[in-house]
Every structure is written in structure tokens, then in C-alpha cells.
């Protein structure tokens, strides 16, 4: 049974700072340049804490900074446990979309042993980083992104009632997305949310590393306390944003790949080997625009030396795959092309050695212009494929999904003590 509950969130004091100047995207999509841009907006931007820089003392500095901001009332804690209705409004392809969910606490449970399902592999480095930060701050600084199934949209009435009031906080982020937060703490609404979530499965969309880190931190705290389990302890829970699978504002964009090629790379030999696995078509500009928009087939656009090629996976290749992976384009690209034809190892892929993960065609062109490289453009993953992978206990290659819009860090924090 899934257990959710409201919490006393820590939020920016809007009398002392502007929310648009202090929120930030998730830490794992922020490079050094973006970090500096965010800090230029305000010295209180959340990246100072969520993405600390420096030596071995950077986590301690982040923890001290978090505590000092609370002491100086830059951050203030809500007096009552609340659920936080979180809405994101954005434009995509000329159409306006709204995605709504709620932020609350989820009782931690081991992945694959209950009703919380992952779909991506995790790496030890990021988990250790988040663990050290969690120890230093004793807080969840960002929400894990979770999905639940509700084709009747039964929480919509609670969301709509909350939105009749003025938002408690609202800001447009660097992507042009409007992020708004409403507080829900009346007993009737809280009880309905708690009861509604009891029989739900939760699918992790973003935040696999943070979820596993929260479990590691829980186990660490239990050990410190003599392996006594106190079900009400803050570390037994993790902060999560819950969104309906069927919310029309939920988008999954692809993450494309650009790969460094060895000096001895022979394109003719490579293409002859490709013929065993793909039907290859040289694409003109007009065909390229629509090549990926074909349902029922795994298609990839490959670019090398200024020429675009359409790759359609042959049925004989698909038939050899486990059923759960037959619709996962990133898995087929990884196993057939990257590992089999370009000799990537699992370790090299995990460490992102010689491979770049990008979201736009402009980024692809830029990277191709700077070296001996080849690119692979993919179609976004269908949400039902993500669900199938999760429920079958399988995992997809890293960067298989790019859920949009990104949840913003800094709207609300959760103290673990």
C-alpha cells in the first residue's frame, strides 16, 4: 500500500526575494555556465545549495548555507502540514498546455518490492553526491517526479478548488514555463488525497538517483539509531511531485545521441554491417521532417559527414528481442549500434565517455561540427512503454526519457528532522 502525507514545507520568503530569481532546473541538467547565470540573478538562488561547488567541504558549506537562510528568514517553514498543488503552464508547437499535480511525502519502500517502480539505471557517483548533500542539509531540496494512474481524473476537483484562490507562489522559469503553487491543508482534501493514493502504483519519471539516495539515507539513519524503525521519522519519507499518467500536459521528449568516432573509423565498412540490422534510406530534407513520425516501427535518423540516413529496424532484429524492449528505441540503438557496431562498453556508456546526450537538432549540428562524430536522432518514448518497462522490472538505458516541463527546484523544501 502506498502511503502519502502532507508536510510542513520550507519555502522562500517572498517578502525578501523574488521567486523567479531563486528557482532553478534540476541539478543534473545544469552546467557551469547555467549555474553562473542563475547565481547572477540572486545570491539566494537554490543552486548555491543544490549544486554546491568547491572541495571536500562543499557539502558542509551547502548545509550551513541552508541553515543560515532559515535563521535569517530567507526561507520560512509553513506552520501546518500541507499538500502543495503544483501547476506548470507552457506553450508547445503553438498550443498552450497545463500540467497539474501535487507535492507531498511518500513513504519509502524498496524498488521492485512494493508499488514504486523505476525505469532507468542509476550510477554510484550521483547517488554518493546526493547522499552527502542530504546528510549535510537534512532535507529534500527537490521533488522526485512520480506518476500515478487515474483515467477518471478523480483529484481534479481538489486541484480546481485550490486554483480558485490566488497562488501562494508563482514564477516563470528560464524555459518560459509558468510555475504556480497552491496550499491545500483542509482535513477533507488531505484525507481524500491520502485515501486516493493508497491503492495506486507510483512510477518514477525523474529522480531515480534521489529516490535510491533517500533509501540509503533512511538506512543510514536507522543504523545510527540502533536499527530501531520509527515509522514517523522524517527520513522514512521522501518529497515527491505526483502527476497523473493521463495529464495532457505531460510530455516526453527524446534525448538524441552524438558519438565520437575512432580515427580508424571506416564508414563504408560500418554501413555494410548496418545492413544486417537496418533498412537504410538516404534522406532529403523534406523526407527527414516526417521520417520519425511513423507508428509501429523503430526508426532513427543518423547523420554523418553532412548526410542524413533513415534507419528502420528490421523485423528480424525486433523478433530476437525480449518483448518488453521491442518498442524501446534507445535500447535498440545502444545494443545494436553503440555496443555491437561501435564497440562501446557498458562502463564507457555509463561514464558518458565519447557520447553526448542532447535534446535539440541545433545541439547535434554544433557537436558534429567540432569533431569526427556521428549522430542519432530519436523519437520520444510513448508513456505506455515507460509503464510497461517499469511494471516488468526492466530498465532502459540512461537518458531514455526527457519529461517536460522540468520540475523547478526551490518552490518547496522538506526538512527531514
Protein backbone atom coordinates (compact mmCIF):
# COMPACT_ATOMS: atom_id res chain seq x y z
CA UNK A 1 0.00 0.00 0.00
CA UNK A 2 1.29 3.45 -0.95
CA UNK A 3 1.42 5.89 1.94
CA UNK A 4 1.43 9.62 1.28
CA UNK A 5 1.09 12.52 3.68
CA UNK A 6 1.32 16.32 3.78
CA UNK A 7 4.28 18.11 5.32
CA UNK A 8 5.41 21.46 6.68
CA UNK A 9 7.22 22.78 3.65
CA UNK A 10 10.10 25.22 3.78
CA UNK A 11 9.66 27.98 1.19
CA UNK A 12 11.27 31.20 0.09
CA UNK A 13 10.08 34.29 1.95
CA UNK A 14 8.59 36.34 -0.88
CA UNK A 15 8.92 39.49 1.20
CA UNK A 16 12.70 39.15 0.93
CA UNK A 17 13.26 37.76 -2.54
CA UNK A 18 11.62 37.27 -5.94
CA UNK A 19 10.78 33.66 -6.69
CA UNK A 20 11.79 33.89 -10.36
CA UNK A 21 15.31 34.82 -9.25
CA UNK A 22 15.84 31.87 -6.92
CA UNK A 23 14.30 28.80 -8.58
CA UNK A 24 16.35 26.55 -10.86
CA UNK A 25 16.03 23.46 -13.06
CA UNK A 26 17.02 20.04 -11.65
CA UNK A 27 20.69 19.88 -10.67
CA UNK A 28 21.57 17.25 -13.28
CA UNK A 29 20.71 19.48 -16.25
CA UNK A 30 22.73 22.47 -15.01
CA UNK A 31 26.21 23.04 -16.42
CA UNK A 32 28.75 25.54 -15.09
CA UNK A 33 27.62 28.32 -17.43
CA UNK A 34 23.95 27.98 -16.47
CA UNK A 35 24.88 27.80 -12.81
CA UNK A 36 26.68 31.13 -13.05
CA UNK A 37 23.71 32.68 -14.87
CA UNK A 38 21.36 31.53 -12.11
CA UNK A 39 23.61 32.87 -9.37
CA UNK A 40 23.78 36.20 -11.18
CA UNK A 41 20.02 36.52 -10.66
CA UNK A 42 20.33 36.26 -6.89
CA UNK A 43 22.87 35.17 -4.25
CA UNK A 44 19.99 33.19 -2.76
CA UNK A 45 19.41 31.10 -5.88
CA UNK A 46 18.87 27.49 -4.87
CA UNK A 47 21.83 26.24 -6.94
CA UNK A 48 24.11 27.55 -4.18
CA UNK A 49 22.79 24.70 -2.05
CA UNK A 50 21.52 22.10 -4.51
CA UNK A 51 24.62 22.15 -6.71
CA UNK A 52 27.47 23.20 -4.39
CA UNK A 53 30.90 23.84 -5.84
CA UNK A 54 34.31 23.58 -4.23
CA UNK A 55 36.38 20.95 -2.49
CA UNK A 56 35.52 18.30 0.05
CA UNK A 57 33.86 20.93 2.23
CA UNK A 58 31.27 21.92 -0.36
CA UNK A 59 28.51 19.84 1.22
CA UNK A 60 29.16 21.25 4.68
CA UNK A 61 29.08 24.75 3.19
CA UNK A 62 25.76 23.98 1.48
CA UNK A 63 24.31 22.67 4.75
CA UNK A 64 25.42 25.74 6.67
CA UNK A 65 24.02 27.99 3.95
CA UNK A 66 20.65 26.24 4.10
CA UNK A 67 20.51 26.65 7.88
CA UNK A 68 21.58 30.30 7.73
CA UNK A 69 18.88 31.12 5.19
CA UNK A 70 16.29 29.67 7.55
CA UNK A 71 17.70 31.58 10.51
CA UNK A 72 17.67 34.87 8.57
CA UNK A 73 14.12 34.18 7.32
CA UNK A 74 15.11 33.98 3.66
CA UNK A 75 13.43 30.60 3.97
CA UNK A 76 10.42 30.11 6.24
CA UNK A 77 8.59 26.97 7.30
CA UNK A 78 4.83 26.55 6.98
CA UNK A 79 3.05 26.16 10.31
CA UNK A 80 0.71 23.34 9.24
CA UNK A 81 1.31 20.16 7.20
CA UNK A 82 0.23 20.83 3.62
CA UNK A 83 -0.09 19.31 0.22
CA UNK A 84 1.11 21.70 -2.47
CA UNK A 85 -0.77 21.82 -5.76
CA UNK A 86 1.84 22.46 -8.43
CA UNK A 87 0.81 23.71 -11.86
CA UNK A 88 3.04 24.27 -14.88
CA UNK A 89 1.71 26.23 -17.84
CA UNK A 90 3.64 26.27 -21.11
CA UNK A 91 3.42 26.50 -24.89
CA UNK A 92 4.42 23.72 -27.25
CA UNK A 93 4.03 23.77 -31.03
CA UNK A 94 1.76 26.79 -30.81
CA UNK A 95 -0.61 25.25 -28.27
CA UNK A 96 -0.94 26.03 -24.58
CA UNK A 97 -0.73 23.18 -22.07
CA UNK A 98 -1.22 22.91 -18.32
CA UNK A 99 0.18 20.10 -16.20
CA UNK A 100 -1.03 19.78 -12.63
CA UNK A 101 -0.03 17.55 -9.76
CA UNK A 102 0.57 17.71 -6.05
CA UNK A 103 3.71 17.71 -3.92
CA UNK A 104 3.65 15.59 -0.79
CA UNK A 105 5.63 12.95 1.07
CA UNK A 106 5.83 9.32 0.01
CA UNK A 107 6.70 6.54 2.46
CA UNK A 108 9.90 4.96 1.18
CA UNK A 109 9.88 1.35 0.04
CA UNK A 110 12.46 -0.77 -1.75
CA UNK A 111 12.18 -0.56 -5.52
CA UNK A 112 10.68 -3.65 -7.09
CA UNK A 113 9.35 -4.95 -3.76
CA UNK A 114 6.21 -2.88 -3.48
CA UNK A 115 4.33 -0.38 -5.59
CA UNK A 116 7.10 2.06 -6.53
CA UNK A 117 8.56 1.32 -9.95
CA UNK A 118 11.73 2.64 -11.63
CA UNK A 119 12.56 2.55 -15.34
CA UNK A 120 16.20 3.72 -15.52
CA UNK A 121 19.59 2.55 -14.32
CA UNK A 122 21.36 4.54 -11.64
CA UNK A 123 25.03 5.32 -11.14
CA UNK A 124 27.02 5.27 -7.89
CA UNK A 125 28.62 8.70 -8.40
CA UNK A 126 25.42 10.79 -8.47
CA UNK A 127 23.96 8.78 -5.59
CA UNK A 128 27.00 9.45 -3.42
CA UNK A 129 26.83 13.14 -4.30
CA UNK A 130 23.16 13.39 -3.33
CA UNK A 131 23.78 11.33 -0.17
CA UNK A 132 26.48 13.70 1.07
CA UNK A 133 24.24 16.68 0.35
CA UNK A 134 21.32 15.07 2.16
CA UNK A 135 23.49 14.38 5.20
CA UNK A 136 24.70 17.99 5.25
CA UNK A 137 21.30 19.64 4.84
CA UNK A 138 18.98 17.06 6.42
CA UNK A 139 16.49 17.99 3.73
CA UNK A 140 14.94 17.05 0.42
CA UNK A 141 15.83 20.05 -1.72
CA UNK A 142 13.95 18.95 -4.84
CA UNK A 143 10.93 16.85 -5.65
CA UNK A 144 11.19 13.43 -7.22
CA UNK A 145 8.81 13.24 -10.17
CA UNK A 146 6.30 10.40 -9.77
CA UNK A 147 3.37 9.27 -11.91
CA UNK A 148 0.13 7.54 -10.94
CA UNK A 149 -2.73 6.11 -12.99
CA UNK A 150 -6.13 7.77 -12.84
CA UNK A 151 -8.14 7.72 -16.06
CA UNK A 152 -11.11 9.22 -14.21
CA UNK A 153 -9.02 12.20 -13.02
CA UNK A 154 -10.54 11.97 -9.54
CA UNK A 155 -8.25 14.53 -7.94
CA UNK A 156 -9.21 17.23 -10.42
CA UNK A 157 -11.91 18.64 -8.15
CA UNK A 158 -9.39 19.22 -5.35
CA UNK A 159 -6.98 20.83 -7.81
CA UNK A 160 -9.71 23.07 -9.26
CA UNK A 161 -10.94 24.19 -5.86
CA UNK A 162 -7.42 25.14 -4.81
CA UNK A 163 -6.84 27.09 -8.02
CA UNK A 164 -9.83 29.32 -7.36
CA UNK A 165 -7.61 31.10 -4.86
CA UNK A 166 -4.61 33.25 -5.65
CA UNK A 167 -1.47 31.14 -5.96
CA UNK A 168 0.77 31.16 -2.89
CA UNK A 169 3.77 31.42 -5.20
CA UNK A 170 4.24 31.84 -8.93
CA UNK A 171 7.20 32.41 -11.25
CA UNK A 172 8.21 31.97 -14.87
CA UNK A 173 11.34 29.83 -15.18
CA UNK A 174 14.23 30.08 -17.64
CA UNK A 175 12.31 27.91 -20.14
CA UNK A 176 9.35 30.26 -20.19
CA UNK A 177 7.18 27.88 -18.16
CA UNK A 178 4.90 29.43 -15.55
CA UNK A 179 5.18 27.55 -12.25
CA UNK A 180 2.45 28.11 -9.64
CA UNK A 181 1.88 26.66 -6.18
CA UNK A 182 -1.27 26.47 -4.04
CA UNK A 183 -1.56 25.20 -0.48
CA UNK A 184 -4.08 22.51 0.48
CA UNK A 185 -4.32 21.69 4.18
CA UNK A 186 -8.02 21.32 4.96
CA UNK A 187 -8.76 17.94 6.52
CA UNK A 188 -11.30 16.85 3.92
CA UNK A 189 -8.95 17.36 0.96
CA UNK A 190 -5.97 15.85 2.77
CA UNK A 191 -7.96 12.76 3.73
CA UNK A 192 -9.24 12.33 0.16
CA UNK A 193 -5.73 12.52 -1.28
CA UNK A 194 -4.38 10.07 1.29
CA UNK A 195 -7.18 7.60 0.66
CA UNK A 196 -6.97 8.01 -3.12
CA UNK A 197 -3.25 7.18 -3.22
CA UNK A 198 -3.44 4.03 -1.06
CA UNK A 199 -4.11 1.62 -3.93
CA UNK A 200 -2.03 3.43 -6.52
CA UNK A 201 1.28 2.36 -8.02
CA UNK A 202 3.88 5.11 -8.33
CA UNK A 203 6.16 5.20 -11.37
CA UNK A 204 9.33 7.26 -11.09
CA UNK A 205 9.62 9.61 -14.06
CA UNK A 206 12.60 11.69 -12.94
CA UNK A 207 14.70 11.34 -9.81
CA UNK A 208 15.80 7.70 -9.71
CA UNK A 209 19.13 8.66 -8.11
CA UNK A 210 17.42 10.81 -5.50
CA UNK A 211 14.91 8.08 -4.64
CA UNK A 212 17.62 5.45 -4.13
CA UNK A 213 19.63 8.01 -2.18
CA UNK A 214 16.65 8.62 0.10
CA UNK A 215 16.54 4.87 0.83
CA UNK A 216 20.28 4.86 1.52
CA UNK A 217 19.88 7.83 3.85
CA UNK A 218 16.96 6.13 5.63
CA UNK A 219 19.07 3.02 6.19
CA UNK A 220 21.97 5.16 7.38
CA UNK A 221 19.77 6.95 9.91
CA UNK A 222 18.23 3.69 11.13
CA UNK A 223 21.72 2.33 11.77
CA UNK A 224 22.70 5.47 13.68
CA UNK A 225 19.65 4.98 15.88
CA UNK A 226 20.41 1.37 16.68
CA UNK A 227 18.34 -0.13 13.86
CA UNK A 228 15.16 1.00 15.55
CA UNK A 229 12.47 1.75 12.99
CA UNK A 230 10.39 4.81 13.79
CA UNK A 231 7.74 4.94 11.08
CA UNK A 232 7.05 8.62 11.74
CA UNK A 233 10.65 9.78 11.31
CA UNK A 234 11.15 12.30 8.52
CA UNK A 235 13.80 10.17 6.84
CA UNK A 236 11.26 7.38 6.32
CA UNK A 237 9.67 9.58 3.63
CA UNK A 238 10.76 11.49 0.55
CA UNK A 239 9.29 14.57 -1.13
CA UNK A 240 7.62 13.82 -4.45
CA UNK A 241 5.57 15.53 -7.12
CA UNK A 242 2.67 13.28 -8.14
CA UNK A 243 1.20 13.65 -11.66
CA UNK A 244 -1.49 11.66 -13.43
CA UNK A 245 -0.21 9.46 -16.29
CA UNK A 246 -3.07 10.80 -18.39
CA UNK A 247 -2.48 14.52 -17.77
CA UNK A 248 -2.49 16.14 -21.20
CA UNK A 249 0.33 18.44 -20.13
CA UNK A 250 2.71 15.51 -19.62
CA UNK A 251 5.21 15.39 -22.49
CA UNK A 252 8.13 13.01 -23.08
CA UNK A 253 10.78 14.37 -25.42
CA UNK A 254 13.62 12.31 -26.87
CA UNK A 255 17.27 12.59 -25.94
CA UNK A 256 19.46 12.23 -29.01
CA UNK A 257 22.99 10.84 -29.13
CA UNK A 258 26.17 12.24 -30.68
CA UNK A 259 29.15 9.87 -30.67
CA UNK A 260 32.89 10.38 -31.08
CA UNK A 261 34.38 8.11 -33.74
CA UNK A 262 37.82 6.48 -33.64
CA UNK A 263 40.49 7.69 -36.07
CA UNK A 264 40.40 4.39 -37.95
CA UNK A 265 36.62 4.52 -38.44
CA UNK A 266 35.63 3.31 -41.91
CA UNK A 267 32.15 4.47 -42.86
CA UNK A 268 31.79 2.05 -45.80
CA UNK A 269 32.54 -0.95 -43.57
CA UNK A 270 30.22 0.41 -40.92
CA UNK A 271 27.33 0.77 -43.39
CA UNK A 272 27.84 -2.73 -44.75
CA UNK A 273 27.48 -4.12 -41.24
CA UNK A 274 24.43 -1.90 -40.61
CA UNK A 275 22.62 -3.68 -43.43
CA UNK A 276 22.16 -6.76 -41.26
CA UNK A 277 20.08 -4.81 -38.75
CA UNK A 278 18.50 -1.84 -40.54
CA UNK A 279 16.87 -0.84 -43.77
CA UNK A 280 18.83 2.29 -44.66
CA UNK A 281 17.49 5.20 -46.71
CA UNK A 282 19.31 8.37 -47.66
CA UNK A 283 17.04 11.24 -46.62
CA UNK A 284 16.34 14.50 -48.37
CA UNK A 285 15.32 17.48 -46.22
CA UNK A 286 11.61 17.06 -46.93
CA UNK A 287 11.66 13.34 -46.05
CA UNK A 288 13.67 13.93 -42.90
CA UNK A 289 10.94 16.11 -41.37
CA UNK A 290 8.43 13.24 -41.29
CA UNK A 291 10.68 10.20 -41.17
CA UNK A 292 10.32 9.56 -37.44
CA UNK A 293 6.56 10.16 -37.41
CA UNK A 294 5.59 6.58 -38.25
CA UNK A 295 3.85 4.47 -35.62
CA UNK A 296 4.60 0.79 -35.14
CA UNK A 297 8.22 0.98 -36.31
CA UNK A 298 11.52 1.78 -34.63
CA UNK A 299 13.13 4.49 -36.74
CA UNK A 300 16.30 6.51 -36.21
CA UNK A 301 17.89 9.35 -38.18
CA UNK A 302 21.65 9.00 -38.45
CA UNK A 303 23.84 11.88 -39.63
CA UNK A 304 27.44 11.53 -40.79
CA UNK A 305 29.58 13.92 -42.84
CA UNK A 306 26.61 16.18 -43.57
CA UNK A 307 24.37 13.40 -44.90
CA UNK A 308 21.17 12.16 -43.20
CA UNK A 309 20.22 8.48 -43.26
CA UNK A 310 16.95 6.92 -42.17
CA UNK A 311 17.37 3.69 -40.22
CA UNK A 312 14.38 1.36 -39.89
CA UNK A 313 15.00 -1.60 -37.63
CA UNK A 314 14.37 -4.86 -39.44
CA UNK A 315 11.69 -7.19 -38.13
CA UNK A 316 14.26 -9.97 -37.79
CA UNK A 317 16.11 -7.83 -35.22
CA UNK A 318 12.98 -6.91 -33.28
CA UNK A 319 11.88 -10.55 -33.16
CA UNK A 320 15.08 -11.50 -31.34
CA UNK A 321 14.44 -9.01 -28.54
CA UNK A 322 12.62 -9.58 -25.27
CA UNK A 323 9.04 -8.36 -25.70
CA UNK A 324 9.48 -5.57 -23.19
CA UNK A 325 12.29 -3.95 -25.23
CA UNK A 326 10.77 -4.16 -28.71
CA UNK A 327 9.46 -0.60 -28.58
CA UNK A 328 12.41 0.96 -26.78
CA UNK A 329 14.43 2.81 -29.41
CA UNK A 330 17.24 3.76 -27.01
CA UNK A 331 17.75 0.11 -26.08
CA UNK A 332 17.97 -0.98 -29.73
CA UNK A 333 20.35 1.88 -30.55
CA UNK A 334 22.54 1.03 -27.57
CA UNK A 335 22.67 -2.74 -28.02
CA UNK A 336 22.82 -2.95 -31.82
CA UNK A 337 24.73 0.15 -32.87
CA UNK A 338 26.70 1.57 -29.96
CA UNK A 339 27.82 -1.69 -28.34
CA UNK A 340 27.82 -4.11 -31.28
CA UNK A 341 28.98 -1.91 -34.16
CA UNK A 342 30.85 0.93 -32.43
CA UNK A 343 32.37 -1.19 -29.63
CA UNK A 344 31.08 0.81 -26.68
CA UNK A 345 31.29 -0.99 -23.35
CA UNK A 346 28.72 -0.69 -20.58
CA UNK A 347 31.30 1.12 -18.46
CA UNK A 348 32.09 3.61 -21.22
CA UNK A 349 28.39 4.32 -21.72
CA UNK A 350 27.73 4.75 -18.02
CA UNK A 351 30.62 7.18 -17.72
CA UNK A 352 29.46 9.02 -20.88
CA UNK A 353 32.88 8.63 -22.47
CA UNK A 354 32.73 9.65 -26.11
CA UNK A 355 28.97 10.11 -26.13
CA UNK A 356 26.87 13.25 -25.78
CA UNK A 357 23.18 13.39 -24.84
CA UNK A 358 21.30 16.35 -26.33
CA UNK A 359 17.71 17.50 -26.82
CA UNK A 360 17.78 19.64 -29.96
CA UNK A 361 18.87 19.43 -33.58
CA UNK A 362 20.86 22.63 -33.09
CA UNK A 363 22.94 20.92 -30.39
CA UNK A 364 23.51 17.97 -32.72
CA UNK A 365 24.77 20.23 -35.51
CA UNK A 366 27.06 22.10 -33.15
CA UNK A 367 28.67 18.91 -31.83
CA UNK A 368 29.04 17.39 -35.30
CA UNK A 369 30.89 20.50 -36.46
CA UNK A 370 33.53 20.08 -33.74
CA UNK A 371 34.95 16.65 -34.40
CA UNK A 372 34.84 13.31 -36.15
CA UNK A 373 31.39 12.33 -34.96
CA UNK A 374 28.16 10.64 -35.88
CA UNK A 375 24.68 11.42 -34.51
CA UNK A 376 21.48 9.51 -33.91
CA UNK A 377 18.17 11.33 -33.67
CA UNK A 378 15.32 9.53 -31.90
CA UNK A 379 11.59 9.82 -31.42
CA UNK A 380 10.18 10.49 -27.95
CA UNK A 381 9.15 7.48 -25.87
CA UNK A 382 5.48 6.62 -25.54
CA UNK A 383 4.25 6.88 -21.96
CA UNK A 384 2.79 3.36 -22.08
CA UNK A 385 6.22 1.98 -22.98
CA UNK A 386 7.62 3.59 -19.84
CA UNK A 387 4.84 1.95 -17.84
CA UNK A 388 5.48 -1.49 -19.38
CA UNK A 389 9.19 -1.27 -18.66
CA UNK A 390 8.53 -0.26 -15.06
CA UNK A 391 5.97 -2.95 -14.32
CA UNK A 392 8.14 -5.68 -15.85
CA UNK A 393 11.04 -4.81 -13.59
CA UNK A 394 13.19 -3.82 -16.56
CA UNK A 395 15.27 -0.69 -17.01
CA UNK A 396 16.02 1.46 -20.03
CA UNK A 397 19.38 2.95 -20.96
CA UNK A 398 20.23 6.24 -19.29
CA UNK A 399 18.68 9.35 -20.80
CA UNK A 400 15.87 7.39 -22.46
CA UNK A 401 13.20 9.85 -21.35
CA UNK A 402 13.12 13.62 -21.04
CA UNK A 403 9.95 14.56 -19.23
CA UNK A 404 8.82 18.10 -19.97
CA UNK A 405 8.41 20.56 -18.45
CA UNK A 406 11.13 20.08 -15.88
CA UNK A 407 10.09 20.49 -12.25
CA UNK A 408 11.68 23.54 -10.71
CA UNK A 409 13.83 23.30 -7.61
CA UNK A 410 13.21 25.96 -4.98
CA UNK A 411 9.43 26.06 -4.81
CA UNK A 412 9.35 24.00 -1.63
CA UNK A 413 11.83 22.02 0.53
CA UNK A 414 11.26 19.23 3.01
CA UNK A 415 13.19 19.09 6.28
CA UNK A 416 13.97 15.54 7.38
CA UNK A 417 14.32 16.43 11.07
